[in-house]
């Protein structure tokens, strides 16, 4: 069977329409329709009920879905097993969002190569939607997320908390006057907390849902934005970005998500390596954020104001 038919079927199920599936698969809508038609012809049953609202599974489609997931998983397992290089006995494919690779993802690979020299590792980059789809399909088995999407067959566990801090491209920025402020959308919880803490900055006219990649935009222009403390440390050290004194900081959790059917020995060594890396990064971040609080105290006498980190709230 053509595995692209299975992938297309599952993409239509996940997106709810042929149009959305075509956009995600980077093919035309007619190509999606043709693939589904070929699959329906092979099975002898219609799999979707089509309407202007989208595409819904028929009873036959609902029965076929778990088989489609199994077929895709078996295919990916076979492909990965065959691809294991000589000299290695196990493999893991890891995916992570852009800003989680430089600090967390790369150190995880270093730790895995030390702890399990026989483990072949492959890394993938993607946004949350793409990584979730790859986990479901089995093309990756382990992912690092800011915004995980739980699906049947996946397990999620919080790894650590990031600190989102307000930085600007000029020193001595005034929290009450931030020309060029850029709203980086870090998800519903951040949007809500941001609106409560900083109601005057809720509609700046420019919103970027790019995660930490927004830092590359900000540093090349005159602006300010909320970005992860660890990620922007290099820009702070180089005086390309500067802390906005008195601004609240917001906690932002990092999650690990993996497939339930990942081999027990592989998930065990991966989780252990990730815990070691997270402990090291937690200590590093606490030192960084403490230093930033001291800078803020020196400027305005109130540190990060109301939006102190979760650790502050727990210790208060």
C-alpha atoms as a PDB file:
ATOM      1  CA  UNK A   1       0.000   0.000   0.000  1.00  0.00           C
ATOM      2  CA  UNK A   2       1.151   3.543  -0.787  1.00  0.00           C
ATOM      3  CA  UNK A   3       2.034   5.001   2.629  1.00  0.00           C
ATOM      4  CA  UNK A   4       1.250   8.524   1.368  1.00  0.00           C
ATOM      5  CA  UNK A   5      -2.423   7.515   1.249  1.00  0.00           C
ATOM      6  CA  UNK A   6      -2.333   6.621   4.937  1.00  0.00           C
ATOM      7  CA  UNK A   7      -0.571   9.870   5.839  1.00  0.00           C
ATOM      8  CA  UNK A   8      -3.092  11.877   3.846  1.00  0.00           C
ATOM      9  CA  UNK A   9      -6.024  10.098   5.494  1.00  0.00           C
ATOM     10  CA  UNK A  10      -4.643  10.842   8.964  1.00  0.00           C
ATOM     11  CA  UNK A  11      -3.955  14.469   8.035  1.00  0.00           C
ATOM     12  CA  UNK A  12      -7.571  14.962   6.928  1.00  0.00           C
ATOM     13  CA  UNK A  13      -8.712  13.391  10.208  1.00  0.00           C
ATOM     14  CA  UNK A  14      -6.449  15.696  12.232  1.00  0.00           C
ATOM     15  CA  UNK A  15      -7.246  18.907  10.335  1.00  0.00           C
ATOM     16  CA  UNK A  16     -10.934  18.264   9.675  1.00  0.00           C
ATOM     17  CA  UNK A  17     -10.877  19.291   6.027  1.00  0.00           C
ATOM     18  CA  UNK A  18      -9.295  18.513   2.683  1.00  0.00           C
ATOM     19  CA  UNK A  19      -8.210  22.130   2.288  1.00  0.00           C
ATOM     20  CA  UNK A  20      -6.328  22.234   5.603  1.00  0.00           C
ATOM     21  CA  UNK A  21      -4.774  18.836   4.888  1.00  0.00           C
ATOM     22  CA  UNK A  22      -3.504  20.048   1.515  1.00  0.00           C
ATOM     23  CA  UNK A  23      -1.900  23.089   3.148  1.00  0.00           C
ATOM     24  CA  UNK A  24      -0.157  20.986   5.783  1.00  0.00           C
ATOM     25  CA  UNK A  25       1.001  18.364   3.280  1.00  0.00           C
ATOM     26  CA  UNK A  26       2.085  21.026   0.753  1.00  0.00           C
ATOM     27  CA  UNK A  27       0.082  19.460  -2.059  1.00  0.00           C
ATOM     28  CA  UNK A  28      -2.983  20.585  -3.984  1.00  0.00           C
ATOM     29  CA  UNK A  29      -6.499  19.933  -2.732  1.00  0.00           C
ATOM     30  CA  UNK A  30      -7.144  17.790  -5.809  1.00  0.00           C
ATOM     31  CA  UNK A  31      -4.146  15.626  -4.884  1.00  0.00           C
ATOM     32  CA  UNK A  32      -5.617  15.084  -1.407  1.00  0.00           C
ATOM     33  CA  UNK A  33      -9.013  14.197  -2.907  1.00  0.00           C
ATOM     34  CA  UNK A  34      -7.392  11.765  -5.342  1.00  0.00           C
ATOM     35  CA  UNK A  35      -5.426  10.023  -2.567  1.00  0.00           C
ATOM     36  CA  UNK A  36      -8.521   9.630  -0.401  1.00  0.00           C
ATOM     37  CA  UNK A  37     -10.478   8.342  -3.401  1.00  0.00           C
ATOM     38  CA  UNK A  38      -7.778   5.736  -4.079  1.00  0.00           C
ATOM     39  CA  UNK A  39      -7.873   4.650  -0.449  1.00  0.00           C
ATOM     40  CA  UNK A  40     -11.664   4.440  -0.462  1.00  0.00           C
ATOM     41  CA  UNK A  41     -11.564   2.405  -3.682  1.00  0.00           C
ATOM     42  CA  UNK A  42      -9.069  -0.012  -2.083  1.00  0.00           C
ATOM     43  CA  UNK A  43     -11.217  -0.454   1.033  1.00  0.00           C
ATOM     44  CA  UNK A  44     -14.529  -0.432  -0.790  1.00  0.00           C
ATOM     45  CA  UNK A  45     -16.085   2.037   1.658  1.00  0.00           C
ATOM     46  CA  UNK A  46     -16.376   5.846   1.883  1.00  0.00           C
ATOM     47  CA  UNK A  47     -14.147   7.169   4.673  1.00  0.00           C
ATOM     48  CA  UNK A  48     -15.361  10.776   4.890  1.00  0.00           C
ATOM     49  CA  UNK A  49     -18.576  12.705   4.599  1.00  0.00           C
ATOM     50  CA  UNK A  50     -17.715  15.912   2.764  1.00  0.00           C
ATOM     51  CA  UNK A  51     -19.499  19.222   3.298  1.00  0.00           C
ATOM     52  CA  UNK A  52     -18.817  22.959   3.217  1.00  0.00           C
ATOM     53  CA  UNK A  53     -17.932  22.706   6.913  1.00  0.00           C
ATOM     54  CA  UNK A  54     -15.170  20.209   6.238  1.00  0.00           C
ATOM     55  CA  UNK A  55     -14.792  16.433   6.320  1.00  0.00           C
ATOM     56  CA  UNK A  56     -16.135  14.055   8.964  1.00  0.00           C
ATOM     57  CA  UNK A  57     -15.312  10.394   9.370  1.00  0.00           C
ATOM     58  CA  UNK A  58     -17.923   7.895   8.296  1.00  0.00           C
ATOM     59  CA  UNK A  59     -18.444   4.823  10.512  1.00  0.00           C
ATOM     60  CA  UNK A  60     -16.079   2.944   8.190  1.00  0.00           C
ATOM     61  CA  UNK A  61     -13.559   5.771   8.455  1.00  0.00           C
ATOM     62  CA  UNK A  62     -13.749   5.636  12.240  1.00  0.00           C
ATOM     63  CA  UNK A  63     -13.080   1.909  12.181  1.00  0.00           C
ATOM     64  CA  UNK A  64     -10.145   2.352   9.811  1.00  0.00           C
ATOM     65  CA  UNK A  65      -8.395   5.120  11.796  1.00  0.00           C
ATOM     66  CA  UNK A  66      -6.698   2.906  14.438  1.00  0.00           C
ATOM     67  CA  UNK A  67      -5.531   0.545  11.679  1.00  0.00           C
ATOM     68  CA  UNK A  68      -4.119   3.498   9.754  1.00  0.00           C
ATOM     69  CA  UNK A  69      -2.183   4.619  12.834  1.00  0.00           C
ATOM     70  CA  UNK A  70      -0.854   1.078  13.316  1.00  0.00           C
ATOM     71  CA  UNK A  71       0.164   0.767   9.669  1.00  0.00           C
ATOM     72  CA  UNK A  72       2.030   4.054   9.800  1.00  0.00           C
ATOM     73  CA  UNK A  73       3.720   3.173  13.086  1.00  0.00           C
ATOM     74  CA  UNK A  74       4.884  -0.210  11.734  1.00  0.00           C
ATOM     75  CA  UNK A  75       6.176   1.448   8.583  1.00  0.00           C
ATOM     76  CA  UNK A  76       8.136   4.062  10.540  1.00  0.00           C
ATOM     77  CA  UNK A  77       9.544   1.432  12.911  1.00  0.00           C
ATOM     78  CA  UNK A  78      10.705  -0.660   9.959  1.00  0.00           C
ATOM     79  CA  UNK A  79      12.197   2.359   8.192  1.00  0.00           C
ATOM     80  CA  UNK A  80      14.061   3.497  11.305  1.00  0.00           C
ATOM     81  CA  UNK A  81      15.278   0.008  12.198  1.00  0.00           C
ATOM     82  CA  UNK A  82      16.702  -0.524   8.735  1.00  0.00           C
ATOM     83  CA  UNK A  83      18.332   2.915   8.898  1.00  0.00           C
ATOM     84  CA  UNK A  84      20.262   2.224  12.140  1.00  0.00           C
ATOM     85  CA  UNK A  85      23.933   2.707  11.210  1.00  0.00           C
ATOM     86  CA  UNK A  86      26.469  -0.075  11.642  1.00  0.00           C
ATOM     87  CA  UNK A  87      27.900  -0.092  15.160  1.00  0.00           C
ATOM     88  CA  UNK A  88      24.635   1.006  16.803  1.00  0.00           C
ATOM     89  CA  UNK A  89      21.940  -1.230  18.248  1.00  0.00           C
ATOM     90  CA  UNK A  90      19.171   1.240  19.124  1.00  0.00           C
ATOM     91  CA  UNK A  91      17.806   4.483  17.751  1.00  0.00           C
ATOM     92  CA  UNK A  92      15.702   7.466  18.763  1.00  0.00           C
ATOM     93  CA  UNK A  93      14.342  10.313  16.665  1.00  0.00           C
ATOM     94  CA  UNK A  94      13.939  13.525  18.689  1.00  0.00           C
ATOM     95  CA  UNK A  95      12.017  16.636  17.657  1.00  0.00           C
ATOM     96  CA  UNK A  96      12.042  20.056  19.295  1.00  0.00           C
ATOM     97  CA  UNK A  97      10.703  23.532  18.738  1.00  0.00           C
ATOM     98  CA  UNK A  98      13.209  26.026  17.349  1.00  0.00           C
ATOM     99  CA  UNK A  99      14.233  27.796  20.556  1.00  0.00           C
ATOM    100  CA  UNK A 100      14.530  24.557  22.534  1.00  0.00           C
ATOM    101  CA  UNK A 101      17.338  23.151  20.397  1.00  0.00           C
ATOM    102  CA  UNK A 102      20.262  25.512  21.157  1.00  0.00           C
ATOM    103  CA  UNK A 103      20.259  24.991  24.925  1.00  0.00           C
ATOM    104  CA  UNK A 104      18.139  21.986  25.877  1.00  0.00           C
ATOM    105  CA  UNK A 105      18.072  19.818  22.744  1.00  0.00           C
ATOM    106  CA  UNK A 106      21.783  19.935  21.940  1.00  0.00           C
ATOM    107  CA  UNK A 107      22.749  19.210  25.542  1.00  0.00           C
ATOM    108  CA  UNK A 108      20.309  16.290  25.587  1.00  0.00           C
ATOM    109  CA  UNK A 109      22.070  14.818  22.556  1.00  0.00           C
ATOM    110  CA  UNK A 110      25.451  15.281  24.261  1.00  0.00           C
ATOM    111  CA  UNK A 111      24.149  13.504  27.379  1.00  0.00           C
ATOM    112  CA  UNK A 112      22.670  10.646  25.338  1.00  0.00           C
ATOM    113  CA  UNK A 113      25.879  10.096  23.401  1.00  0.00           C
ATOM    114  CA  UNK A 114      27.750   9.811  26.689  1.00  0.00           C
ATOM    115  CA  UNK A 115      25.188   7.631  28.482  1.00  0.00           C
ATOM    116  CA  UNK A 116      24.285   5.366  25.544  1.00  0.00           C
ATOM    117  CA  UNK A 117      27.065   5.145  22.916  1.00  0.00           C
ATOM    118  CA  UNK A 118      25.109   2.436  21.072  1.00  0.00           C
ATOM    119  CA  UNK A 119      22.104   4.730  20.575  1.00  0.00           C
ATOM    120  CA  UNK A 120      21.743   6.337  17.155  1.00  0.00           C
ATOM    121  CA  UNK A 121      20.154   9.799  17.447  1.00  0.00           C
ATOM    122  CA  UNK A 122      18.357  11.870  14.807  1.00  0.00           C
ATOM    123  CA  UNK A 123      17.119  15.414  15.442  1.00  0.00           C
ATOM    124  CA  UNK A 124      14.161  17.155  13.818  1.00  0.00           C
ATOM    125  CA  UNK A 125      12.978  20.779  13.909  1.00  0.00           C
ATOM    126  CA  UNK A 126       9.360  21.917  13.829  1.00  0.00           C
ATOM    127  CA  UNK A 127       6.524  23.906  15.295  1.00  0.00           C
ATOM    128  CA  UNK A 128       4.151  22.273  17.753  1.00  0.00           C
ATOM    129  CA  UNK A 129       1.610  21.121  15.129  1.00  0.00           C
ATOM    130  CA  UNK A 130       4.230  19.493  12.906  1.00  0.00           C
ATOM    131  CA  UNK A 131       6.021  17.784  15.776  1.00  0.00           C
ATOM    132  CA  UNK A 132       2.752  16.418  17.154  1.00  0.00           C
ATOM    133  CA  UNK A 133       1.881  15.011  13.743  1.00  0.00           C
ATOM    134  CA  UNK A 134       5.335  13.414  13.495  1.00  0.00           C
ATOM    135  CA  UNK A 135       4.879  11.829  16.933  1.00  0.00           C
ATOM    136  CA  UNK A 136       1.498  10.410  15.933  1.00  0.00           C
ATOM    137  CA  UNK A 137       2.921   9.066  12.673  1.00  0.00           C
ATOM    138  CA  UNK A 138       5.960   7.623  14.458  1.00  0.00           C
ATOM    139  CA  UNK A 139       8.569   9.532  12.436  1.00  0.00           C
ATOM    140  CA  UNK A 140       9.812  10.889  15.778  1.00  0.00           C
ATOM    141  CA  UNK A 141       9.408   9.200  19.152  1.00  0.00           C
ATOM    142  CA  UNK A 142      10.338  11.993  21.561  1.00  0.00           C
ATOM    143  CA  UNK A 143       9.658  15.715  21.442  1.00  0.00           C
ATOM    144  CA  UNK A 144      10.453  18.902  23.380  1.00  0.00           C
ATOM    145  CA  UNK A 145       7.622  21.434  23.400  1.00  0.00           C
ATOM    146  CA  UNK A 146       6.500  24.726  24.839  1.00  0.00           C
ATOM    147  CA  UNK A 147       2.905  23.977  23.829  1.00  0.00           C
ATOM    148  CA  UNK A 148       2.267  20.219  23.669  1.00  0.00           C
ATOM    149  CA  UNK A 149      -0.861  18.774  22.108  1.00  0.00           C
ATOM    150  CA  UNK A 150      -1.875  15.553  23.831  1.00  0.00           C
ATOM    151  CA  UNK A 151      -3.157  12.758  21.627  1.00  0.00           C
ATOM    152  CA  UNK A 152      -3.955   9.084  22.292  1.00  0.00           C
ATOM    153  CA  UNK A 153      -0.745   7.079  22.492  1.00  0.00           C
ATOM    154  CA  UNK A 154       1.365  10.019  23.686  1.00  0.00           C
ATOM    155  CA  UNK A 155       2.706  10.745  27.186  1.00  0.00           C
ATOM    156  CA  UNK A 156       3.633  14.247  28.400  1.00  0.00           C
ATOM    157  CA  UNK A 157       5.764  15.331  31.354  1.00  0.00           C
ATOM    158  CA  UNK A 158       6.856  18.810  32.411  1.00  0.00           C
ATOM    159  CA  UNK A 159      10.643  19.123  32.264  1.00  0.00           C
ATOM    160  CA  UNK A 160      11.337  22.594  33.640  1.00  0.00           C
ATOM    161  CA  UNK A 161      10.178  26.198  33.540  1.00  0.00           C
ATOM    162  CA  UNK A 162      11.510  28.882  31.247  1.00  0.00           C
ATOM    163  CA  UNK A 163      11.434  32.549  32.282  1.00  0.00           C
ATOM    164  CA  UNK A 164      10.000  35.023  29.796  1.00  0.00           C
ATOM    165  CA  UNK A 165      11.551  38.437  30.402  1.00  0.00           C
ATOM    166  CA  UNK A 166      10.961  41.823  28.801  1.00  0.00           C
ATOM    167  CA  UNK A 167      13.978  43.112  26.888  1.00  0.00           C
ATOM    168  CA  UNK A 168      14.582  46.111  24.638  1.00  0.00           C
ATOM    169  CA  UNK A 169      17.248  47.065  22.136  1.00  0.00           C
ATOM    170  CA  UNK A 170      18.146  50.244  24.044  1.00  0.00           C
ATOM    171  CA  UNK A 171      19.347  50.608  27.658  1.00  0.00           C
ATOM    172  CA  UNK A 172      17.274  52.190  30.458  1.00  0.00           C
ATOM    173  CA  UNK A 173      13.991  51.390  28.699  1.00  0.00           C
ATOM    174  CA  UNK A 174      10.915  52.760  30.472  1.00  0.00           C
ATOM    175  CA  UNK A 175       8.194  50.177  31.083  1.00  0.00           C
ATOM    176  CA  UNK A 176       5.557  52.899  30.712  1.00  0.00           C
ATOM    177  CA  UNK A 177       6.923  54.058  27.369  1.00  0.00           C
ATOM    178  CA  UNK A 178       7.983  51.315  24.976  1.00  0.00           C
ATOM    179  CA  UNK A 179       7.864  52.529  21.382  1.00  0.00           C
ATOM    180  CA  UNK A 180       8.216  49.610  19.010  1.00  0.00           C
ATOM    181  CA  UNK A 181       6.901  47.036  21.494  1.00  0.00           C
ATOM    182  CA  UNK A 182       6.308  43.701  19.758  1.00  0.00           C
ATOM    183  CA  UNK A 183       3.825  41.250  21.231  1.00  0.00           C
ATOM    184  CA  UNK A 184       5.196  37.704  21.042  1.00  0.00           C
ATOM    185  CA  UNK A 185       2.311  35.270  21.409  1.00  0.00           C
ATOM    186  CA  UNK A 186       3.433  32.537  23.806  1.00  0.00           C
ATOM    187  CA  UNK A 187      -0.008  30.931  24.074  1.00  0.00           C
ATOM    188  CA  UNK A 188      -3.307  31.486  25.910  1.00  0.00           C
ATOM    189  CA  UNK A 189      -1.927  31.432  29.470  1.00  0.00           C
ATOM    190  CA  UNK A 190       0.739  34.015  28.643  1.00  0.00           C
ATOM    191  CA  UNK A 191      -1.764  36.192  26.780  1.00  0.00           C
ATOM    192  CA  UNK A 192      -4.070  36.184  29.813  1.00  0.00           C
ATOM    193  CA  UNK A 193      -1.308  36.900  32.330  1.00  0.00           C
ATOM    194  CA  UNK A 194       0.175  39.594  30.092  1.00  0.00           C
ATOM    195  CA  UNK A 195      -3.203  41.336  29.784  1.00  0.00           C
ATOM    196  CA  UNK A 196      -3.605  41.388  33.570  1.00  0.00           C
ATOM    197  CA  UNK A 197      -0.074  42.635  34.284  1.00  0.00           C
ATOM    198  CA  UNK A 198       0.426  44.972  31.335  1.00  0.00           C
ATOM    199  CA  UNK A 199      -2.953  46.121  30.004  1.00  0.00           C
ATOM    200  CA  UNK A 200      -1.351  49.061  28.245  1.00  0.00           C
ATOM    201  CA  UNK A 201       0.689  46.760  25.989  1.00  0.00           C
ATOM    202  CA  UNK A 202      -2.011  44.359  24.858  1.00  0.00           C
ATOM    203  CA  UNK A 203      -2.462  45.728  21.334  1.00  0.00           C
ATOM    204  CA  UNK A 204       0.844  47.110  20.023  1.00  0.00           C
ATOM    205  CA  UNK A 205      -0.030  46.560  16.354  1.00  0.00           C
ATOM    206  CA  UNK A 206       2.550  43.849  15.700  1.00  0.00           C
ATOM    207  CA  UNK A 207       2.191  40.279  16.954  1.00  0.00           C
ATOM    208  CA  UNK A 208       4.630  37.453  16.219  1.00  0.00           C
ATOM    209  CA  UNK A 209       3.741  33.836  16.943  1.00  0.00           C
ATOM    210  CA  UNK A 210       7.315  32.740  16.237  1.00  0.00           C
ATOM    211  CA  UNK A 211       8.551  31.753  19.682  1.00  0.00           C
ATOM    212  CA  UNK A 212      12.150  32.664  20.414  1.00  0.00           C
ATOM    213  CA  UNK A 213      12.792  33.184  16.705  1.00  0.00           C
ATOM    214  CA  UNK A 214      11.252  36.621  17.331  1.00  0.00           C
ATOM    215  CA  UNK A 215      14.551  37.565  19.014  1.00  0.00           C
ATOM    216  CA  UNK A 216      16.221  37.570  15.589  1.00  0.00           C
ATOM    217  CA  UNK A 217      13.631  40.107  14.438  1.00  0.00           C
ATOM    218  CA  UNK A 218      13.892  42.329  17.504  1.00  0.00           C
ATOM    219  CA  UNK A 219      17.686  42.640  17.705  1.00  0.00           C
ATOM    220  CA  UNK A 220      17.881  43.972  14.160  1.00  0.00           C
ATOM    221  CA  UNK A 221      15.346  46.716  14.834  1.00  0.00           C
ATOM    222  CA  UNK A 222      14.530  49.161  17.589  1.00  0.00           C
ATOM    223  CA  UNK A 223      11.982  47.298  19.672  1.00  0.00           C
ATOM    224  CA  UNK A 224      11.083  45.414  22.830  1.00  0.00           C
ATOM    225  CA  UNK A 225       9.514  42.020  23.444  1.00  0.00           C
ATOM    226  CA  UNK A 226       9.082  39.148  25.908  1.00  0.00           C
ATOM    227  CA  UNK A 227      11.643  36.441  25.198  1.00  0.00           C
ATOM    228  CA  UNK A 228      13.106  33.419  27.062  1.00  0.00           C
ATOM    229  CA  UNK A 229      15.817  34.444  29.545  1.00  0.00           C
ATOM    230  CA  UNK A 230      18.173  31.591  28.609  1.00  0.00           C
ATOM    231  CA  UNK A 231      17.796  32.207  24.904  1.00  0.00           C
ATOM    232  CA  UNK A 232      18.500  35.962  25.072  1.00  0.00           C
ATOM    233  CA  UNK A 233      21.419  35.714  27.530  1.00  0.00           C
ATOM    234  CA  UNK A 234      23.929  35.941  24.675  1.00  0.00           C
ATOM    235  CA  UNK A 235      22.260  39.152  23.451  1.00  0.00           C
ATOM    236  CA  UNK A 236      22.277  40.595  26.965  1.00  0.00           C
ATOM    237  CA  UNK A 237      25.953  39.742  27.376  1.00  0.00           C
ATOM    238  CA  UNK A 238      26.709  41.402  24.028  1.00  0.00           C
ATOM    239  CA  UNK A 239      24.652  44.508  24.949  1.00  0.00           C
ATOM    240  CA  UNK A 240      22.412  43.934  21.946  1.00  0.00           C
ATOM    241  CA  UNK A 241      19.419  43.610  24.272  1.00  0.00           C
ATOM    242  CA  UNK A 242      18.771  45.172  27.679  1.00  0.00           C
ATOM    243  CA  UNK A 243      16.449  44.282  30.538  1.00  0.00           C
ATOM    244  CA  UNK A 244      13.413  46.523  30.930  1.00  0.00           C
ATOM    245  CA  UNK A 245      13.632  47.357  34.637  1.00  0.00           C
ATOM    246  CA  UNK A 246      10.545  46.766  36.729  1.00  0.00           C
ATOM    247  CA  UNK A 247       8.842  44.576  34.135  1.00  0.00           C
ATOM    248  CA  UNK A 248       7.142  41.372  35.303  1.00  0.00           C
ATOM    249  CA  UNK A 249       8.632  38.022  34.316  1.00  0.00           C
ATOM    250  CA  UNK A 250       6.374  35.126  33.365  1.00  0.00           C
ATOM    251  CA  UNK A 251       7.032  31.398  33.906  1.00  0.00           C
ATOM    252  CA  UNK A 252       6.699  29.248  30.792  1.00  0.00           C
ATOM    253  CA  UNK A 253       6.899  25.450  31.130  1.00  0.00           C
ATOM    254  CA  UNK A 254       8.850  23.149  28.822  1.00  0.00           C
ATOM    255  CA  UNK A 255       7.396  19.698  28.178  1.00  0.00           C
ATOM    256  CA  UNK A 256       8.699  16.366  26.978  1.00  0.00           C
ATOM    257  CA  UNK A 257       6.267  14.245  24.972  1.00  0.00           C
ATOM    258  CA  UNK A 258       6.952  10.706  23.836  1.00  0.00           C
ATOM    259  CA  UNK A 259       5.190   7.751  22.281  1.00  0.00           C
ATOM    260  CA  UNK A 260       3.826   5.126  24.672  1.00  0.00           C
ATOM    261  CA  UNK A 261       5.340   2.366  22.533  1.00  0.00           C
ATOM    262  CA  UNK A 262       8.887   3.725  22.720  1.00  0.00           C
ATOM    263  CA  UNK A 263      11.180   0.941  23.955  1.00  0.00           C
ATOM    264  CA  UNK A 264      11.469   0.988  27.760  1.00  0.00           C
ATOM    265  CA  UNK A 265      15.270   1.060  27.796  1.00  0.00           C
ATOM    266  CA  UNK A 266      15.382   3.940  25.292  1.00  0.00           C
ATOM    267  CA  UNK A 267      12.842   6.101  27.117  1.00  0.00           C
ATOM    268  CA  UNK A 268      14.545   5.386  30.454  1.00  0.00           C
ATOM    269  CA  UNK A 269      17.980   6.544  29.286  1.00  0.00           C
ATOM    270  CA  UNK A 270      16.461   9.550  27.486  1.00  0.00           C
ATOM    271  CA  UNK A 271      14.459  10.717  30.503  1.00  0.00           C
ATOM    272  CA  UNK A 272      17.455  10.274  32.797  1.00  0.00           C
ATOM    273  CA  UNK A 273      19.683  12.296  30.447  1.00  0.00           C
ATOM    274  CA  UNK A 274      17.021  14.994  30.133  1.00  0.00           C
ATOM    275  CA  UNK A 275      16.667  15.283  33.922  1.00  0.00           C
ATOM    276  CA  UNK A 276      20.429  15.780  34.256  1.00  0.00           C
ATOM    277  CA  UNK A 277      20.415  18.512  31.618  1.00  0.00           C
ATOM    278  CA  UNK A 278      17.345  20.186  33.129  1.00  0.00           C
ATOM    279  CA  UNK A 279      18.918  20.323  36.592  1.00  0.00           C
ATOM    280  CA  UNK A 280      22.006  21.999  35.154  1.00  0.00           C
ATOM    281  CA  UNK A 281      19.945  24.499  33.172  1.00  0.00           C
ATOM    282  CA  UNK A 282      17.686  25.228  36.157  1.00  0.00           C
ATOM    283  CA  UNK A 283      20.713  26.267  38.205  1.00  0.00           C
ATOM    284  CA  UNK A 284      22.031  28.348  35.324  1.00  0.00           C
ATOM    285  CA  UNK A 285      18.690  30.066  34.813  1.00  0.00           C
ATOM    286  CA  UNK A 286      18.269  30.827  38.506  1.00  0.00           C
ATOM    287  CA  UNK A 287      21.688  32.504  38.507  1.00  0.00           C
ATOM    288  CA  UNK A 288      20.767  34.486  35.385  1.00  0.00           C
ATOM    289  CA  UNK A 289      17.344  35.582  36.621  1.00  0.00           C
ATOM    290  CA  UNK A 290      18.737  36.491  40.038  1.00  0.00           C
ATOM    291  CA  UNK A 291      21.280  38.704  38.315  1.00  0.00           C
ATOM    292  CA  UNK A 292      18.536  40.329  36.270  1.00  0.00           C
ATOM    293  CA  UNK A 293      16.523  40.976  39.418  1.00  0.00           C
ATOM    294  CA  UNK A 294      19.529  42.736  40.928  1.00  0.00           C
ATOM    295  CA  UNK A 295      19.785  44.914  37.828  1.00  0.00           C
ATOM    296  CA  UNK A 296      16.098  45.734  38.071  1.00  0.00           C
ATOM    297  CA  UNK A 297      16.395  46.511  41.784  1.00  0.00           C
ATOM    298  CA  UNK A 298      19.226  48.872  41.050  1.00  0.00           C
ATOM    299  CA  UNK A 299      17.040  50.711  38.575  1.00  0.00           C
ATOM    300  CA  UNK A 300      13.644  50.898  40.236  1.00  0.00           C
ATOM    301  CA  UNK A 301      13.894  49.263  43.637  1.00  0.00           C
ATOM    302  CA  UNK A 302      11.249  46.612  42.929  1.00  0.00           C
ATOM    303  CA  UNK A 303      12.870  43.837  40.909  1.00  0.00           C
ATOM    304  CA  UNK A 304      10.514  42.166  38.479  1.00  0.00           C
ATOM    305  CA  UNK A 305       7.522  43.914  40.077  1.00  0.00           C
ATOM    306  CA  UNK A 306       4.425  41.746  40.366  1.00  0.00           C
ATOM    307  CA  UNK A 307       5.228  39.140  37.781  1.00  0.00           C
ATOM    308  CA  UNK A 308       8.002  37.372  39.659  1.00  0.00           C
ATOM    309  CA  UNK A 309       8.834  33.821  38.775  1.00  0.00           C
ATOM    310  CA  UNK A 310       6.924  30.791  39.986  1.00  0.00           C
ATOM    311  CA  UNK A 311       9.799  29.959  42.306  1.00  0.00           C
ATOM    312  CA  UNK A 312       9.362  33.357  43.953  1.00  0.00           C
ATOM    313  CA  UNK A 313       5.656  32.694  44.423  1.00  0.00           C
ATOM    314  CA  UNK A 314       6.315  29.285  45.922  1.00  0.00           C
ATOM    315  CA  UNK A 315       8.869  30.717  48.339  1.00  0.00           C
ATOM    316  CA  UNK A 316       6.797  33.711  49.350  1.00  0.00           C
END
